[in-house]
């Protein structure tokens, strides 16, 4: 009688320990690759934000030295570039860039004057002078566009220089905050400051653009690594701004317990 050797073998159920080990190693490598990829993208974005911020702030200084005026606030801009026909209508919006511009009031503050909302005109003056790339509208973004949310909103590469993650660079006057009770800003001199954030509300691009660890490393690279002191600061913790641990500039640290994008940053005293 012939014996079937195969029939004598026990049936196999499932995977062997070796096979499972191989599968787990492959899964681990895939997860590690995804995480590493995200870290590399994040690191690249932070480098781009840093380089654009530095070039932009340098352009502000170069403009002031060349024209003896602050871009956006410049009171004789139309003697250098074509005049916008709607300079006295500050609520006008635009859907495209143009070199036609308006004068500021020349008071040294990048704010809202009778003829222009100067923080929208500032990038346009810089671009007209050839100090930054692009063509900017000099006005608020189109209120009919769902991505802008309102008449005075900033929009990347339309009226403000763009950054990764839909962020922007925006310069405006804050002045000096003397009270520790201020609900928004840590005390200190801001003068004309550059905001590194995302457009989310009327006039201000205060939307969080970085995680707390990214903001900490960014601050450490360019300043002192503390959210409430030095040249680079964030907002006091409230609402969607939960980047810092406390409202005291002396004790505030970056809040690493928070996940996701929590931080918009400000560079004080750029002009």
C-alpha atoms as a PDB file:
ATOM      1  CA  UNK A   1       0.000   0.000   0.000  1.00  0.00           C
ATOM      2  CA  UNK A   2       1.283   3.483  -0.968  1.00  0.00           C
ATOM      3  CA  UNK A   3       1.455   6.075   1.786  1.00  0.00           C
ATOM      4  CA  UNK A   4       0.868   9.727   0.801  1.00  0.00           C
ATOM      5  CA  UNK A   5       3.552  11.681   2.656  1.00  0.00           C
ATOM      6  CA  UNK A   6       1.704  14.979   2.139  1.00  0.00           C
ATOM      7  CA  UNK A   7      -1.441  13.659   3.723  1.00  0.00           C
ATOM      8  CA  UNK A   8       0.538  12.786   6.830  1.00  0.00           C
ATOM      9  CA  UNK A   9       1.629  16.388   7.427  1.00  0.00           C
ATOM     10  CA  UNK A  10      -0.467  18.517   9.808  1.00  0.00           C
ATOM     11  CA  UNK A  11      -2.462  21.353   8.226  1.00  0.00           C
ATOM     12  CA  UNK A  12      -0.956  24.875   8.584  1.00  0.00           C
ATOM     13  CA  UNK A  13      -3.091  27.556  10.218  1.00  0.00           C
ATOM     14  CA  UNK A  14      -1.931  31.244  10.225  1.00  0.00           C
ATOM     15  CA  UNK A  15       1.591  32.601   9.949  1.00  0.00           C
ATOM     16  CA  UNK A  16       4.774  31.450  11.560  1.00  0.00           C
ATOM     17  CA  UNK A  17       6.553  33.651  14.081  1.00  0.00           C
ATOM     18  CA  UNK A  18       9.192  34.454  11.490  1.00  0.00           C
ATOM     19  CA  UNK A  19       6.609  35.553   8.932  1.00  0.00           C
ATOM     20  CA  UNK A  20       4.832  37.743  11.481  1.00  0.00           C
ATOM     21  CA  UNK A  21       8.143  39.297  12.455  1.00  0.00           C
ATOM     22  CA  UNK A  22       8.893  40.164   8.848  1.00  0.00           C
ATOM     23  CA  UNK A  23       5.441  41.729   8.415  1.00  0.00           C
ATOM     24  CA  UNK A  24       5.886  43.815  11.579  1.00  0.00           C
ATOM     25  CA  UNK A  25       9.289  45.036  10.412  1.00  0.00           C
ATOM     26  CA  UNK A  26       7.809  46.092   7.056  1.00  0.00           C
ATOM     27  CA  UNK A  27       4.928  47.929   8.767  1.00  0.00           C
ATOM     28  CA  UNK A  28       7.397  49.658  11.086  1.00  0.00           C
ATOM     29  CA  UNK A  29       9.512  50.765   8.147  1.00  0.00           C
ATOM     30  CA  UNK A  30       6.457  52.138   6.341  1.00  0.00           C
ATOM     31  CA  UNK A  31       5.272  54.078   9.395  1.00  0.00           C
ATOM     32  CA  UNK A  32       8.777  55.348  10.022  1.00  0.00           C
ATOM     33  CA  UNK A  33       9.048  56.451   6.426  1.00  0.00           C
ATOM     34  CA  UNK A  34       5.753  58.368   6.593  1.00  0.00           C
ATOM     35  CA  UNK A  35       6.742  60.106   9.839  1.00  0.00           C
ATOM     36  CA  UNK A  36      10.198  60.923   8.506  1.00  0.00           C
ATOM     37  CA  UNK A  37       8.620  62.289   5.343  1.00  0.00           C
ATOM     38  CA  UNK A  38       6.321  64.570   7.353  1.00  0.00           C
ATOM     39  CA  UNK A  39       9.243  65.780   9.450  1.00  0.00           C
ATOM     40  CA  UNK A  40      11.266  66.541   6.328  1.00  0.00           C
ATOM     41  CA  UNK A  41       8.365  68.472   4.797  1.00  0.00           C
ATOM     42  CA  UNK A  42       7.855  70.411   8.027  1.00  0.00           C
ATOM     43  CA  UNK A  43      11.544  71.200   8.282  1.00  0.00           C
ATOM     44  CA  UNK A  44      11.611  72.387   4.664  1.00  0.00           C
ATOM     45  CA  UNK A  45       8.576  74.610   5.269  1.00  0.00           C
ATOM     46  CA  UNK A  46      10.196  76.186   8.328  1.00  0.00           C
ATOM     47  CA  UNK A  47      13.369  76.924   6.338  1.00  0.00           C
ATOM     48  CA  UNK A  48      11.300  78.565   3.613  1.00  0.00           C
ATOM     49  CA  UNK A  49       9.367  80.656   6.138  1.00  0.00           C
ATOM     50  CA  UNK A  50      12.615  81.735   7.797  1.00  0.00           C
ATOM     51  CA  UNK A  51      14.352  82.699   4.568  1.00  0.00           C
ATOM     52  CA  UNK A  52      11.345  84.624   3.239  1.00  0.00           C
ATOM     53  CA  UNK A  53      10.860  86.423   6.552  1.00  0.00           C
ATOM     54  CA  UNK A  54      14.500  87.468   6.679  1.00  0.00           C
ATOM     55  CA  UNK A  55      14.506  88.674   3.067  1.00  0.00           C
ATOM     56  CA  UNK A  56      11.243  90.571   3.608  1.00  0.00           C
ATOM     57  CA  UNK A  57      12.438  92.319   6.773  1.00  0.00           C
ATOM     58  CA  UNK A  58      15.699  93.223   5.016  1.00  0.00           C
ATOM     59  CA  UNK A  59      13.668  94.711   2.160  1.00  0.00           C
ATOM     60  CA  UNK A  60      11.807  96.919   4.649  1.00  0.00           C
ATOM     61  CA  UNK A  61      15.097  98.372   5.889  1.00  0.00           C
ATOM     62  CA  UNK A  62      16.499  98.787   2.372  1.00  0.00           C
ATOM     63  CA  UNK A  63      13.366 100.628   1.259  1.00  0.00           C
ATOM     64  CA  UNK A  64      13.546 103.047   4.182  1.00  0.00           C
ATOM     65  CA  UNK A  65      17.209 103.763   3.486  1.00  0.00           C
ATOM     66  CA  UNK A  66      16.635 104.359  -0.240  1.00  0.00           C
ATOM     67  CA  UNK A  67      13.446 106.443  -0.066  1.00  0.00           C
ATOM     68  CA  UNK A  68      13.720 107.887   3.453  1.00  0.00           C
ATOM     69  CA  UNK A  69      10.202 106.597   4.010  1.00  0.00           C
ATOM     70  CA  UNK A  70       8.392 103.521   5.268  1.00  0.00           C
ATOM     71  CA  UNK A  71       6.677 101.433   2.582  1.00  0.00           C
ATOM     72  CA  UNK A  72       2.910 101.713   2.765  1.00  0.00           C
ATOM     73  CA  UNK A  73       3.236 104.870   4.875  1.00  0.00           C
ATOM     74  CA  UNK A  74       5.231 106.681   2.166  1.00  0.00           C
ATOM     75  CA  UNK A  75       3.579 110.076   1.535  1.00  0.00           C
ATOM     76  CA  UNK A  76       4.974 110.596  -1.988  1.00  0.00           C
ATOM     77  CA  UNK A  77       4.656 107.098  -3.479  1.00  0.00           C
ATOM     78  CA  UNK A  78       2.647 108.367  -6.470  1.00  0.00           C
ATOM     79  CA  UNK A  79       5.567 110.564  -7.504  1.00  0.00           C
ATOM     80  CA  UNK A  80       7.475 107.332  -8.197  1.00  0.00           C
ATOM     81  CA  UNK A  81       4.677 105.036  -9.411  1.00  0.00           C
ATOM     82  CA  UNK A  82       1.300 105.342 -11.116  1.00  0.00           C
ATOM     83  CA  UNK A  83      -1.540 106.591  -8.930  1.00  0.00           C
ATOM     84  CA  UNK A  84      -4.514 104.342  -8.181  1.00  0.00           C
ATOM     85  CA  UNK A  85      -7.726 106.069  -9.280  1.00  0.00           C
ATOM     86  CA  UNK A  86      -9.494 104.970  -6.080  1.00  0.00           C
ATOM     87  CA  UNK A  87      -7.011 106.176  -3.479  1.00  0.00           C
ATOM     88  CA  UNK A  88      -9.675 107.964  -1.458  1.00  0.00           C
ATOM     89  CA  UNK A  89     -11.865 104.865  -1.253  1.00  0.00           C
ATOM     90  CA  UNK A  90     -10.073 102.717   1.276  1.00  0.00           C
ATOM     91  CA  UNK A  91     -12.833 100.087   1.300  1.00  0.00           C
ATOM     92  CA  UNK A  92     -12.217  99.147  -2.327  1.00  0.00           C
ATOM     93  CA  UNK A  93     -11.011  95.600  -2.861  1.00  0.00           C
ATOM     94  CA  UNK A  94      -9.093  94.073  -5.746  1.00  0.00           C
ATOM     95  CA  UNK A  95      -8.851  90.616  -7.262  1.00  0.00           C
ATOM     96  CA  UNK A  96      -5.507  91.121  -9.018  1.00  0.00           C
ATOM     97  CA  UNK A  97      -2.191  92.825  -8.513  1.00  0.00           C
ATOM     98  CA  UNK A  98      -1.272  96.201 -10.011  1.00  0.00           C
ATOM     99  CA  UNK A  99       1.531  98.736  -9.780  1.00  0.00           C
ATOM    100  CA  UNK A 100      -0.983 101.620  -9.450  1.00  0.00           C
ATOM    101  CA  UNK A 101      -0.664 102.735  -5.857  1.00  0.00           C
ATOM    102  CA  UNK A 102      -1.586 105.333  -3.222  1.00  0.00           C
ATOM    103  CA  UNK A 103       0.274 107.559  -0.791  1.00  0.00           C
ATOM    104  CA  UNK A 104       0.370 106.910   2.923  1.00  0.00           C
ATOM    105  CA  UNK A 105       0.198 109.695   5.480  1.00  0.00           C
ATOM    106  CA  UNK A 106       3.907 109.679   6.339  1.00  0.00           C
ATOM    107  CA  UNK A 107       3.438 109.504  10.120  1.00  0.00           C
ATOM    108  CA  UNK A 108       5.839 106.575  10.523  1.00  0.00           C
ATOM    109  CA  UNK A 109       3.057 104.122  11.371  1.00  0.00           C
ATOM    110  CA  UNK A 110       1.918 101.369   9.011  1.00  0.00           C
ATOM    111  CA  UNK A 111      -1.763 101.800   9.803  1.00  0.00           C
ATOM    112  CA  UNK A 112      -4.986 103.019   8.197  1.00  0.00           C
ATOM    113  CA  UNK A 113      -4.871 106.535   6.726  1.00  0.00           C
ATOM    114  CA  UNK A 114      -7.435 108.650   4.879  1.00  0.00           C
ATOM    115  CA  UNK A 115      -6.230 107.466   1.477  1.00  0.00           C
ATOM    116  CA  UNK A 116      -4.975 103.936   2.068  1.00  0.00           C
ATOM    117  CA  UNK A 117      -4.940 100.955   4.343  1.00  0.00           C
ATOM    118  CA  UNK A 118      -1.194 101.088   4.614  1.00  0.00           C
ATOM    119  CA  UNK A 119      -0.532  97.456   5.523  1.00  0.00           C
ATOM    120  CA  UNK A 120      -2.015  96.453   2.141  1.00  0.00           C
ATOM    121  CA  UNK A 121      -0.053  99.146   0.303  1.00  0.00           C
ATOM    122  CA  UNK A 122       3.247  98.176   1.954  1.00  0.00           C
ATOM    123  CA  UNK A 123       3.972  95.016  -0.127  1.00  0.00           C
ATOM    124  CA  UNK A 124       2.907  96.897  -3.255  1.00  0.00           C
ATOM    125  CA  UNK A 125       5.430  99.685  -2.543  1.00  0.00           C
ATOM    126  CA  UNK A 126       8.155  97.095  -1.897  1.00  0.00           C
ATOM    127  CA  UNK A 127       7.366  95.246  -5.132  1.00  0.00           C
ATOM    128  CA  UNK A 128       7.138  98.465  -7.140  1.00  0.00           C
ATOM    129  CA  UNK A 129      10.611  99.346  -5.850  1.00  0.00           C
ATOM    130  CA  UNK A 130      11.896  95.932  -6.960  1.00  0.00           C
ATOM    131  CA  UNK A 131      12.733  94.873  -3.401  1.00  0.00           C
ATOM    132  CA  UNK A 132      10.431  91.853  -3.265  1.00  0.00           C
ATOM    133  CA  UNK A 133       9.034  89.688  -6.048  1.00  0.00           C
ATOM    134  CA  UNK A 134       5.418  89.780  -7.169  1.00  0.00           C
ATOM    135  CA  UNK A 135       2.688  92.262  -8.089  1.00  0.00           C
ATOM    136  CA  UNK A 136       0.337  93.198  -5.247  1.00  0.00           C
ATOM    137  CA  UNK A 137      -3.117  94.747  -5.238  1.00  0.00           C
ATOM    138  CA  UNK A 138      -2.590  97.260  -2.437  1.00  0.00           C
ATOM    139  CA  UNK A 139      -6.151  96.616  -1.256  1.00  0.00           C
ATOM    140  CA  UNK A 140      -8.174  94.149   0.753  1.00  0.00           C
ATOM    141  CA  UNK A 141      -9.072  90.812  -0.793  1.00  0.00           C
ATOM    142  CA  UNK A 142     -12.308  90.244  -2.717  1.00  0.00           C
ATOM    143  CA  UNK A 143     -15.142  89.646  -0.196  1.00  0.00           C
ATOM    144  CA  UNK A 144     -16.963  87.388  -2.664  1.00  0.00           C
ATOM    145  CA  UNK A 145     -14.120  84.856  -2.564  1.00  0.00           C
ATOM    146  CA  UNK A 146     -14.964  82.174  -0.017  1.00  0.00           C
ATOM    147  CA  UNK A 147     -11.312  81.753   0.928  1.00  0.00           C
ATOM    148  CA  UNK A 148     -10.941  85.342   2.119  1.00  0.00           C
ATOM    149  CA  UNK A 149     -13.895  85.707   4.454  1.00  0.00           C
ATOM    150  CA  UNK A 150     -14.252  89.483   4.343  1.00  0.00           C
ATOM    151  CA  UNK A 151     -13.466  92.797   2.704  1.00  0.00           C
ATOM    152  CA  UNK A 152     -10.293  93.547   4.638  1.00  0.00           C
ATOM    153  CA  UNK A 153      -8.790  90.084   4.615  1.00  0.00           C
ATOM    154  CA  UNK A 154      -5.222  89.344   3.653  1.00  0.00           C
ATOM    155  CA  UNK A 155      -4.586  86.842   0.887  1.00  0.00           C
ATOM    156  CA  UNK A 156      -1.267  85.249   0.054  1.00  0.00           C
ATOM    157  CA  UNK A 157       0.371  86.666  -3.075  1.00  0.00           C
ATOM    158  CA  UNK A 158      -2.577  88.993  -3.729  1.00  0.00           C
ATOM    159  CA  UNK A 159      -2.035  91.720  -1.143  1.00  0.00           C
ATOM    160  CA  UNK A 160       0.531  90.078   1.153  1.00  0.00           C
ATOM    161  CA  UNK A 161       3.695  88.002   0.522  1.00  0.00           C
ATOM    162  CA  UNK A 162       2.855  84.314   0.801  1.00  0.00           C
ATOM    163  CA  UNK A 163       4.367  81.567   2.940  1.00  0.00           C
ATOM    164  CA  UNK A 164       3.935  77.781   3.083  1.00  0.00           C
ATOM    165  CA  UNK A 165       0.761  76.484   4.785  1.00  0.00           C
ATOM    166  CA  UNK A 166      -1.278  79.393   3.357  1.00  0.00           C
ATOM    167  CA  UNK A 167       0.641  81.772   5.610  1.00  0.00           C
ATOM    168  CA  UNK A 168       1.577  85.390   4.954  1.00  0.00           C
ATOM    169  CA  UNK A 169       3.912  88.157   6.091  1.00  0.00           C
ATOM    170  CA  UNK A 170       2.146  91.302   7.266  1.00  0.00           C
ATOM    171  CA  UNK A 171       3.661  94.458   8.745  1.00  0.00           C
ATOM    172  CA  UNK A 172       1.603  96.901  10.795  1.00  0.00           C
ATOM    173  CA  UNK A 173       1.830  99.375  13.657  1.00  0.00           C
ATOM    174  CA  UNK A 174       1.221  98.209  17.225  1.00  0.00           C
ATOM    175  CA  UNK A 175       3.298 100.757  19.137  1.00  0.00           C
ATOM    176  CA  UNK A 176       4.283 100.134  22.755  1.00  0.00           C
ATOM    177  CA  UNK A 177       2.359  97.904  25.146  1.00  0.00           C
ATOM    178  CA  UNK A 178       3.012  99.127  28.669  1.00  0.00           C
ATOM    179  CA  UNK A 179       0.335  97.258  30.618  1.00  0.00           C
ATOM    180  CA  UNK A 180       0.789  93.657  31.708  1.00  0.00           C
ATOM    181  CA  UNK A 181      -3.018  93.472  31.742  1.00  0.00           C
ATOM    182  CA  UNK A 182      -3.250  93.749  27.940  1.00  0.00           C
ATOM    183  CA  UNK A 183      -5.264  90.723  26.821  1.00  0.00           C
ATOM    184  CA  UNK A 184      -3.494  90.210  23.489  1.00  0.00           C
ATOM    185  CA  UNK A 185       0.115  91.371  23.568  1.00  0.00           C
ATOM    186  CA  UNK A 186       2.986  90.866  25.966  1.00  0.00           C
ATOM    187  CA  UNK A 187       4.363  94.185  27.170  1.00  0.00           C
ATOM    188  CA  UNK A 188       7.152  95.837  25.216  1.00  0.00           C
ATOM    189  CA  UNK A 189       7.842  97.991  22.174  1.00  0.00           C
ATOM    190  CA  UNK A 190       6.394  96.570  18.957  1.00  0.00           C
ATOM    191  CA  UNK A 191       6.503  99.723  16.821  1.00  0.00           C
ATOM    192  CA  UNK A 192       5.914  98.481  13.252  1.00  0.00           C
ATOM    193  CA  UNK A 193       6.060  94.701  13.605  1.00  0.00           C
ATOM    194  CA  UNK A 194       6.012  91.854  11.085  1.00  0.00           C
ATOM    195  CA  UNK A 195       3.395  89.182  11.679  1.00  0.00           C
ATOM    196  CA  UNK A 196       4.082  85.606  10.553  1.00  0.00           C
ATOM    197  CA  UNK A 197       0.683  83.923  10.473  1.00  0.00           C
ATOM    198  CA  UNK A 198      -2.365  82.921   8.476  1.00  0.00           C
ATOM    199  CA  UNK A 199      -5.161  85.295   7.386  1.00  0.00           C
ATOM    200  CA  UNK A 200      -8.195  84.476   9.524  1.00  0.00           C
ATOM    201  CA  UNK A 201      -9.819  87.748  10.609  1.00  0.00           C
ATOM    202  CA  UNK A 202     -10.459  91.304   9.464  1.00  0.00           C
ATOM    203  CA  UNK A 203      -7.176  93.170   8.959  1.00  0.00           C
ATOM    204  CA  UNK A 204      -4.956  90.786  10.962  1.00  0.00           C
ATOM    205  CA  UNK A 205      -3.251  87.584   9.822  1.00  0.00           C
ATOM    206  CA  UNK A 206      -3.177  86.059  13.294  1.00  0.00           C
ATOM    207  CA  UNK A 207      -3.999  82.457  12.408  1.00  0.00           C
ATOM    208  CA  UNK A 208      -1.649  79.843  13.908  1.00  0.00           C
ATOM    209  CA  UNK A 209       0.939  78.737  11.365  1.00  0.00           C
ATOM    210  CA  UNK A 210       3.333  76.584  13.433  1.00  0.00           C
ATOM    211  CA  UNK A 211       3.288  73.909  16.091  1.00  0.00           C
ATOM    212  CA  UNK A 212       4.680  74.939  19.459  1.00  0.00           C
ATOM    213  CA  UNK A 213       7.870  72.948  18.902  1.00  0.00           C
ATOM    214  CA  UNK A 214       8.331  74.531  15.471  1.00  0.00           C
ATOM    215  CA  UNK A 215       7.736  78.004  16.919  1.00  0.00           C
ATOM    216  CA  UNK A 216      10.178  77.325  19.760  1.00  0.00           C
ATOM    217  CA  UNK A 217      12.931  76.190  17.392  1.00  0.00           C
ATOM    218  CA  UNK A 218      12.180  79.113  15.071  1.00  0.00           C
ATOM    219  CA  UNK A 219      12.331  81.579  17.972  1.00  0.00           C
ATOM    220  CA  UNK A 220      15.499  79.956  19.302  1.00  0.00           C
ATOM    221  CA  UNK A 221      17.160  80.308  15.907  1.00  0.00           C
ATOM    222  CA  UNK A 222      16.282  83.981  15.427  1.00  0.00           C
ATOM    223  CA  UNK A 223      15.908  85.205  19.001  1.00  0.00           C
ATOM    224  CA  UNK A 224      15.807  83.921  22.611  1.00  0.00           C
ATOM    225  CA  UNK A 225      13.457  80.906  22.412  1.00  0.00           C
ATOM    226  CA  UNK A 226      10.874  82.513  24.726  1.00  0.00           C
ATOM    227  CA  UNK A 227       7.354  83.466  23.588  1.00  0.00           C
ATOM    228  CA  UNK A 228       6.968  86.663  25.630  1.00  0.00           C
ATOM    229  CA  UNK A 229      10.380  88.342  25.521  1.00  0.00           C
ATOM    230  CA  UNK A 230      12.950  89.471  22.985  1.00  0.00           C
ATOM    231  CA  UNK A 231      12.402  90.544  19.405  1.00  0.00           C
ATOM    232  CA  UNK A 232      10.302  87.534  18.368  1.00  0.00           C
ATOM    233  CA  UNK A 233       7.156  86.876  20.401  1.00  0.00           C
ATOM    234  CA  UNK A 234       3.761  85.231  20.102  1.00  0.00           C
ATOM    235  CA  UNK A 235       0.332  86.199  21.387  1.00  0.00           C
ATOM    236  CA  UNK A 236      -0.854  85.720  24.934  1.00  0.00           C
ATOM    237  CA  UNK A 237      -2.745  82.412  25.306  1.00  0.00           C
ATOM    238  CA  UNK A 238      -6.429  82.911  24.515  1.00  0.00           C
ATOM    239  CA  UNK A 239      -8.922  81.585  21.966  1.00  0.00           C
ATOM    240  CA  UNK A 240      -7.104  79.918  19.075  1.00  0.00           C
ATOM    241  CA  UNK A 241      -3.764  81.352  20.215  1.00  0.00           C
ATOM    242  CA  UNK A 242      -2.554  78.708  22.670  1.00  0.00           C
ATOM    243  CA  UNK A 243       1.145  78.842  21.896  1.00  0.00           C
ATOM    244  CA  UNK A 244       2.407  80.061  25.296  1.00  0.00           C
ATOM    245  CA  UNK A 245       1.887  78.648  28.772  1.00  0.00           C
ATOM    246  CA  UNK A 246       1.106  81.876  30.681  1.00  0.00           C
ATOM    247  CA  UNK A 247       0.175  85.533  30.133  1.00  0.00           C
ATOM    248  CA  UNK A 248       3.271  86.696  32.019  1.00  0.00           C
ATOM    249  CA  UNK A 249       6.202  87.569  29.773  1.00  0.00           C
ATOM    250  CA  UNK A 250       8.612  86.643  32.577  1.00  0.00           C
ATOM    251  CA  UNK A 251       7.307  83.083  33.026  1.00  0.00           C
ATOM    252  CA  UNK A 252       5.782  82.205  29.633  1.00  0.00           C
ATOM    253  CA  UNK A 253       7.218  79.208  27.796  1.00  0.00           C
ATOM    254  CA  UNK A 254       6.181  77.503  24.589  1.00  0.00           C
ATOM    255  CA  UNK A 255       3.340  75.128  25.451  1.00  0.00           C
ATOM    256  CA  UNK A 256       4.558  71.745  24.233  1.00  0.00           C
ATOM    257  CA  UNK A 257       1.482  70.022  25.684  1.00  0.00           C
ATOM    258  CA  UNK A 258      -0.568  71.423  22.800  1.00  0.00           C
ATOM    259  CA  UNK A 259      -0.625  69.506  19.509  1.00  0.00           C
ATOM    260  CA  UNK A 260      -1.210  70.852  16.022  1.00  0.00           C
ATOM    261  CA  UNK A 261      -0.627  74.373  14.750  1.00  0.00           C
ATOM    262  CA  UNK A 262      -0.942  76.755  17.705  1.00  0.00           C
ATOM    263  CA  UNK A 263       1.422  79.632  16.968  1.00  0.00           C
ATOM    264  CA  UNK A 264       1.590  82.845  14.985  1.00  0.00           C
ATOM    265  CA  UNK A 265       4.752  84.858  15.599  1.00  0.00           C
ATOM    266  CA  UNK A 266       5.579  88.565  15.571  1.00  0.00           C
ATOM    267  CA  UNK A 267       8.917  90.248  14.926  1.00  0.00           C
ATOM    268  CA  UNK A 268       8.911  93.448  16.948  1.00  0.00           C
ATOM    269  CA  UNK A 269      10.436  96.724  15.851  1.00  0.00           C
ATOM    270  CA  UNK A 270      11.226  95.918  12.220  1.00  0.00           C
ATOM    271  CA  UNK A 271      10.736  99.626  11.404  1.00  0.00           C
END
